N, C-alpha and C. Protein backbone atom coordinates (compact mmCIF):
# COMPACT_ATOMS: atom_id res chain seq x y z
N MET A 1 7.69 37.77 -2.52
CA MET A 1 7.60 36.32 -2.48
C MET A 1 6.58 35.90 -1.42
N ALA A 2 5.87 34.87 -1.75
CA ALA A 2 4.89 34.31 -0.82
C ALA A 2 5.50 33.14 -0.06
N VAL A 3 4.94 32.87 1.11
CA VAL A 3 5.31 31.67 1.86
C VAL A 3 4.35 30.57 1.41
N ARG A 4 4.91 29.44 1.01
CA ARG A 4 4.13 28.29 0.57
C ARG A 4 4.56 27.07 1.38
N ALA A 5 3.75 26.03 1.33
CA ALA A 5 4.07 24.77 2.00
C ALA A 5 4.09 23.66 0.97
N VAL A 6 5.07 22.80 1.08
CA VAL A 6 5.21 21.65 0.20
C VAL A 6 5.15 20.39 1.05
N ARG A 7 4.30 19.45 0.65
CA ARG A 7 4.16 18.18 1.37
C ARG A 7 4.89 17.09 0.61
N GLY A 8 5.23 16.03 1.34
CA GLY A 8 5.83 14.86 0.72
C GLY A 8 5.92 13.72 1.71
N ALA A 9 6.15 12.54 1.17
CA ALA A 9 6.30 11.36 2.03
C ALA A 9 6.99 10.25 1.25
N VAL A 10 7.57 9.34 2.01
CA VAL A 10 8.18 8.14 1.44
C VAL A 10 8.01 7.01 2.45
N GLN A 11 7.76 5.81 1.93
CA GLN A 11 7.69 4.64 2.79
C GLN A 11 9.01 3.89 2.70
N LEU A 12 9.60 3.64 3.85
CA LEU A 12 10.85 2.90 3.90
C LEU A 12 10.58 1.40 3.84
N GLU A 13 11.51 0.67 3.27
CA GLU A 13 11.40 -0.80 3.22
C GLU A 13 11.78 -1.43 4.54
N ARG A 14 12.68 -0.75 5.28
CA ARG A 14 13.17 -1.30 6.55
C ARG A 14 13.65 -0.15 7.43
N ASP A 15 13.75 -0.39 8.70
CA ASP A 15 14.19 0.62 9.65
C ASP A 15 15.70 0.50 9.87
N GLU A 16 16.44 1.09 8.97
CA GLU A 16 17.90 1.13 9.06
C GLU A 16 18.35 2.54 8.74
N ALA A 17 19.31 3.06 9.50
CA ALA A 17 19.75 4.45 9.35
C ALA A 17 20.20 4.77 7.92
N GLY A 18 20.99 3.91 7.32
CA GLY A 18 21.47 4.17 5.96
C GLY A 18 20.34 4.22 4.94
N HIS A 19 19.39 3.33 5.12
CA HIS A 19 18.23 3.29 4.21
C HIS A 19 17.37 4.55 4.40
N MET A 20 17.17 4.96 5.66
CA MET A 20 16.40 6.18 5.92
C MET A 20 17.10 7.37 5.29
N ASP A 21 18.38 7.47 5.47
CA ASP A 21 19.16 8.57 4.90
C ASP A 21 18.97 8.63 3.37
N GLU A 22 19.09 7.49 2.74
CA GLU A 22 18.96 7.39 1.29
C GLU A 22 17.56 7.81 0.81
N GLN A 23 16.54 7.30 1.46
CA GLN A 23 15.17 7.56 1.04
C GLN A 23 14.73 9.00 1.33
N VAL A 24 15.10 9.53 2.48
CA VAL A 24 14.74 10.91 2.81
C VAL A 24 15.51 11.88 1.92
N SER A 25 16.76 11.56 1.62
CA SER A 25 17.53 12.39 0.68
C SER A 25 16.87 12.42 -0.69
N GLU A 26 16.41 11.27 -1.15
CA GLU A 26 15.72 11.20 -2.44
C GLU A 26 14.45 12.04 -2.41
N LEU A 27 13.70 11.96 -1.32
CA LEU A 27 12.47 12.74 -1.19
C LEU A 27 12.77 14.24 -1.20
N LEU A 28 13.72 14.68 -0.40
CA LEU A 28 14.04 16.11 -0.35
C LEU A 28 14.56 16.63 -1.68
N THR A 29 15.40 15.84 -2.33
CA THR A 29 15.92 16.23 -3.64
C THR A 29 14.78 16.38 -4.64
N ALA A 30 13.83 15.46 -4.61
CA ALA A 30 12.68 15.54 -5.53
C ALA A 30 11.82 16.76 -5.23
N VAL A 31 11.61 17.08 -3.96
CA VAL A 31 10.83 18.27 -3.58
C VAL A 31 11.50 19.51 -4.14
N LEU A 32 12.82 19.63 -3.96
CA LEU A 32 13.55 20.80 -4.47
C LEU A 32 13.49 20.87 -5.99
N GLU A 33 13.81 19.77 -6.65
CA GLU A 33 13.87 19.76 -8.12
C GLU A 33 12.51 20.02 -8.76
N ARG A 34 11.47 19.35 -8.29
CA ARG A 34 10.15 19.49 -8.91
C ARG A 34 9.54 20.87 -8.71
N ASN A 35 10.04 21.59 -7.72
CA ASN A 35 9.52 22.93 -7.47
C ASN A 35 10.50 24.03 -7.86
N GLY A 36 11.62 23.63 -8.46
CA GLY A 36 12.61 24.62 -8.89
C GLY A 36 13.19 25.42 -7.74
N LEU A 37 13.45 24.74 -6.62
CA LEU A 37 13.92 25.40 -5.41
C LEU A 37 15.40 25.16 -5.16
N THR A 38 16.00 26.08 -4.43
CA THR A 38 17.33 25.89 -3.87
C THR A 38 17.19 25.91 -2.35
N THR A 39 18.25 25.62 -1.66
CA THR A 39 18.18 25.63 -0.19
C THR A 39 17.91 27.04 0.33
N ASP A 40 18.26 28.08 -0.44
CA ASP A 40 17.97 29.45 -0.02
C ASP A 40 16.47 29.75 0.01
N ASP A 41 15.67 28.96 -0.69
CA ASP A 41 14.22 29.15 -0.72
C ASP A 41 13.53 28.50 0.48
N LEU A 42 14.24 27.67 1.22
CA LEU A 42 13.66 26.97 2.36
C LEU A 42 13.57 27.86 3.59
N ILE A 43 12.43 27.83 4.26
CA ILE A 43 12.24 28.56 5.51
C ILE A 43 12.42 27.60 6.69
N SER A 44 11.73 26.47 6.64
CA SER A 44 11.84 25.44 7.68
C SER A 44 11.28 24.14 7.15
N ILE A 45 11.63 23.05 7.81
CA ILE A 45 11.12 21.73 7.42
C ILE A 45 10.72 20.96 8.66
N TRP A 46 9.50 20.44 8.63
CA TRP A 46 8.99 19.52 9.65
C TRP A 46 9.07 18.11 9.09
N PHE A 47 9.59 17.20 9.86
CA PHE A 47 9.61 15.78 9.50
C PHE A 47 8.78 15.04 10.54
N THR A 48 7.98 14.08 10.09
CA THR A 48 7.38 13.13 11.03
C THR A 48 7.74 11.74 10.57
N ALA A 49 7.81 10.84 11.53
CA ALA A 49 8.09 9.43 11.24
C ALA A 49 7.09 8.60 12.02
N THR A 50 6.65 7.52 11.41
CA THR A 50 5.74 6.63 12.11
C THR A 50 6.46 6.00 13.31
N PRO A 51 5.71 5.57 14.32
CA PRO A 51 6.32 5.07 15.56
C PRO A 51 7.20 3.83 15.39
N ASP A 52 7.13 3.17 14.23
CA ASP A 52 7.96 1.98 14.02
C ASP A 52 9.34 2.31 13.47
N LEU A 53 9.67 3.59 13.32
CA LEU A 53 11.00 4.00 12.84
C LEU A 53 11.81 4.54 14.02
N HIS A 54 12.96 3.90 14.27
CA HIS A 54 13.79 4.24 15.43
C HIS A 54 15.26 4.44 15.08
N SER A 55 15.65 4.15 13.85
CA SER A 55 17.08 4.06 13.52
C SER A 55 17.80 5.39 13.42
N ASP A 56 17.08 6.47 13.10
CA ASP A 56 17.75 7.76 12.93
C ASP A 56 16.71 8.87 12.87
N PHE A 57 17.18 10.10 12.93
CA PHE A 57 16.32 11.26 12.74
C PHE A 57 16.25 11.55 11.24
N PRO A 58 15.06 11.72 10.68
CA PRO A 58 14.98 12.07 9.25
C PRO A 58 15.72 13.36 8.92
N ALA A 59 15.77 14.29 9.84
CA ALA A 59 16.46 15.56 9.60
C ALA A 59 17.96 15.37 9.34
N ALA A 60 18.52 14.28 9.83
CA ALA A 60 19.95 14.02 9.61
C ALA A 60 20.25 13.93 8.11
N ALA A 61 19.32 13.40 7.34
CA ALA A 61 19.52 13.31 5.88
C ALA A 61 19.57 14.70 5.26
N ALA A 62 18.76 15.62 5.76
CA ALA A 62 18.77 16.99 5.24
C ALA A 62 20.12 17.65 5.50
N ARG A 63 20.64 17.45 6.68
CA ARG A 63 21.95 18.04 7.01
C ARG A 63 23.04 17.48 6.09
N LYS A 64 22.97 16.19 5.79
CA LYS A 64 23.96 15.57 4.90
C LYS A 64 23.84 16.10 3.47
N LEU A 65 22.64 16.57 3.10
CA LEU A 65 22.44 17.16 1.77
C LEU A 65 22.95 18.60 1.70
N GLY A 66 23.36 19.15 2.83
CA GLY A 66 23.84 20.52 2.85
C GLY A 66 22.81 21.53 3.31
N ILE A 67 21.68 21.06 3.79
CA ILE A 67 20.65 21.95 4.34
C ILE A 67 21.04 22.19 5.80
N VAL A 68 21.94 23.14 6.02
CA VAL A 68 22.54 23.30 7.34
C VAL A 68 22.07 24.54 8.09
N ASP A 69 21.53 25.54 7.39
CA ASP A 69 21.12 26.77 8.07
C ASP A 69 19.61 26.98 8.04
N VAL A 70 18.88 25.89 7.87
CA VAL A 70 17.42 25.90 7.84
C VAL A 70 16.92 25.20 9.10
N PRO A 71 15.98 25.79 9.83
CA PRO A 71 15.43 25.11 11.00
C PRO A 71 14.72 23.81 10.61
N LEU A 72 15.05 22.74 11.29
CA LEU A 72 14.46 21.42 11.05
C LEU A 72 13.94 20.88 12.37
N ILE A 73 12.87 20.11 12.30
CA ILE A 73 12.36 19.47 13.51
C ILE A 73 11.77 18.12 13.13
N CYS A 74 11.90 17.16 14.02
CA CYS A 74 11.34 15.82 13.83
C CYS A 74 10.30 15.57 14.91
N ALA A 75 9.25 14.86 14.53
CA ALA A 75 8.21 14.48 15.48
C ALA A 75 7.70 13.10 15.11
N GLN A 76 7.01 12.49 16.04
CA GLN A 76 6.44 11.18 15.77
C GLN A 76 5.02 11.35 15.23
N GLU A 77 4.73 10.62 14.17
CA GLU A 77 3.40 10.60 13.58
C GLU A 77 2.45 9.87 14.52
N LEU A 78 1.18 10.18 14.44
CA LEU A 78 0.19 9.47 15.25
C LEU A 78 0.20 7.98 14.94
N ASP A 79 0.01 7.18 15.94
CA ASP A 79 -0.01 5.73 15.80
C ASP A 79 -1.47 5.28 15.57
N ILE A 80 -1.90 5.36 14.34
CA ILE A 80 -3.29 5.05 13.98
C ILE A 80 -3.37 3.61 13.48
N GLU A 81 -4.29 2.85 14.05
CA GLU A 81 -4.48 1.46 13.64
C GLU A 81 -4.77 1.41 12.14
N GLY A 82 -4.04 0.56 11.43
CA GLY A 82 -4.23 0.41 9.99
C GLY A 82 -3.46 1.42 9.16
N GLY A 83 -2.73 2.34 9.81
CA GLY A 83 -1.94 3.32 9.08
C GLY A 83 -0.77 2.66 8.36
N MET A 84 -0.30 3.31 7.30
CA MET A 84 0.84 2.80 6.55
C MET A 84 2.08 2.78 7.44
N PRO A 85 2.81 1.66 7.49
CA PRO A 85 4.00 1.58 8.33
C PRO A 85 5.23 2.20 7.66
N ARG A 86 6.23 2.51 8.48
CA ARG A 86 7.56 2.98 8.06
C ARG A 86 7.51 4.17 7.09
N VAL A 87 6.77 5.19 7.48
CA VAL A 87 6.61 6.36 6.62
C VAL A 87 7.27 7.59 7.25
N VAL A 88 8.03 8.30 6.43
CA VAL A 88 8.56 9.60 6.79
C VAL A 88 7.80 10.63 5.96
N ARG A 89 7.24 11.63 6.65
CA ARG A 89 6.52 12.70 5.99
C ARG A 89 7.31 14.00 6.15
N VAL A 90 7.13 14.89 5.17
CA VAL A 90 7.82 16.17 5.15
C VAL A 90 6.80 17.28 4.93
N LEU A 91 6.96 18.36 5.66
CA LEU A 91 6.22 19.60 5.42
C LEU A 91 7.26 20.71 5.39
N ALA A 92 7.55 21.19 4.18
CA ALA A 92 8.56 22.23 4.02
C ALA A 92 7.89 23.57 3.75
N HIS A 93 8.29 24.58 4.50
CA HIS A 93 7.83 25.95 4.27
C HIS A 93 8.87 26.62 3.38
N ILE A 94 8.38 27.24 2.31
CA ILE A 94 9.28 27.80 1.30
C ILE A 94 8.86 29.22 0.93
N GLU A 95 9.79 29.94 0.31
CA GLU A 95 9.47 31.20 -0.34
C GLU A 95 9.39 30.91 -1.83
N SER A 96 8.29 31.33 -2.45
CA SER A 96 8.10 31.04 -3.87
C SER A 96 7.12 32.03 -4.49
N ASP A 97 7.34 32.34 -5.74
CA ASP A 97 6.40 33.16 -6.50
C ASP A 97 5.31 32.31 -7.14
N LYS A 98 5.43 30.99 -7.04
CA LYS A 98 4.43 30.11 -7.65
C LYS A 98 3.09 30.23 -6.93
N PRO A 99 2.00 30.16 -7.70
CA PRO A 99 0.69 30.07 -7.04
C PRO A 99 0.61 28.74 -6.28
N ARG A 100 -0.19 28.73 -5.25
CA ARG A 100 -0.35 27.53 -4.42
C ARG A 100 -0.68 26.30 -5.28
N ALA A 101 -1.50 26.48 -6.29
CA ALA A 101 -1.93 25.36 -7.14
C ALA A 101 -0.78 24.77 -7.96
N ASP A 102 0.30 25.50 -8.12
CA ASP A 102 1.43 25.01 -8.93
C ASP A 102 2.52 24.34 -8.11
N ILE A 103 2.35 24.27 -6.80
CA ILE A 103 3.33 23.60 -5.95
C ILE A 103 3.24 22.09 -6.18
N ALA A 104 4.39 21.46 -6.40
CA ALA A 104 4.44 20.01 -6.63
C ALA A 104 4.70 19.29 -5.31
N HIS A 105 3.70 18.57 -4.83
CA HIS A 105 3.84 17.76 -3.63
C HIS A 105 4.36 16.39 -4.06
N VAL A 106 5.29 15.83 -3.31
CA VAL A 106 6.03 14.66 -3.75
C VAL A 106 5.79 13.48 -2.81
N TYR A 107 5.17 12.44 -3.34
CA TYR A 107 4.92 11.21 -2.59
C TYR A 107 5.56 10.08 -3.38
N LEU A 108 6.65 9.54 -2.85
CA LEU A 108 7.43 8.54 -3.58
C LEU A 108 6.95 7.12 -3.29
N GLY A 109 6.98 6.28 -4.31
CA GLY A 109 6.66 4.87 -4.17
C GLY A 109 5.27 4.65 -3.59
N ALA A 110 5.19 3.71 -2.67
CA ALA A 110 3.90 3.34 -2.06
C ALA A 110 3.26 4.49 -1.29
N ALA A 111 4.04 5.47 -0.88
CA ALA A 111 3.50 6.61 -0.14
C ALA A 111 2.56 7.45 -1.01
N GLY A 112 2.58 7.25 -2.32
CA GLY A 112 1.66 7.95 -3.20
C GLY A 112 0.21 7.68 -2.85
N ALA A 113 -0.05 6.53 -2.22
CA ALA A 113 -1.42 6.18 -1.83
C ALA A 113 -1.93 7.04 -0.68
N LEU A 114 -1.04 7.74 0.02
CA LEU A 114 -1.45 8.55 1.16
C LEU A 114 -2.25 9.78 0.75
N ARG A 115 -1.86 10.39 -0.36
CA ARG A 115 -2.52 11.61 -0.80
C ARG A 115 -2.63 11.62 -2.32
N LYS A 116 -3.47 10.78 -2.84
CA LYS A 116 -3.66 10.70 -4.28
C LYS A 116 -4.19 12.02 -4.84
N ASP A 117 -4.83 12.81 -3.99
CA ASP A 117 -5.41 14.08 -4.44
C ASP A 117 -4.36 15.14 -4.74
N ILE A 118 -3.17 15.07 -4.09
CA ILE A 118 -2.17 16.10 -4.35
C ILE A 118 -0.81 15.54 -4.80
N ALA A 119 -0.64 14.24 -4.76
CA ALA A 119 0.65 13.65 -5.15
C ALA A 119 0.91 13.89 -6.62
N GLN A 120 2.14 14.29 -6.94
CA GLN A 120 2.52 14.54 -8.33
C GLN A 120 3.73 13.72 -8.70
């Protein structure tokens, strides 16, 4: 099995813990489903959140989904003038036999504008 990376992002409508949990859960579920993955295929997950998100850690949503034995880390995204607000990004390292070109990167809703070149 090869180590691959899967990208994804979602823009939140508001900075509320319940909303973040819901949206990040939807993003992670889509990443797993679109790539035919289980939690056993996960090596680690990096989360970043834009500086305007303060209500919760995005990784908390992963734990609630049952991703409990995978290393997770959260960091703050760069505060770039004109950047999209209220965005949670994901970089998941996985084990997969898929070629790199077949990995489905998941950008939900308005976050699709962030990476039109790889969003599926």
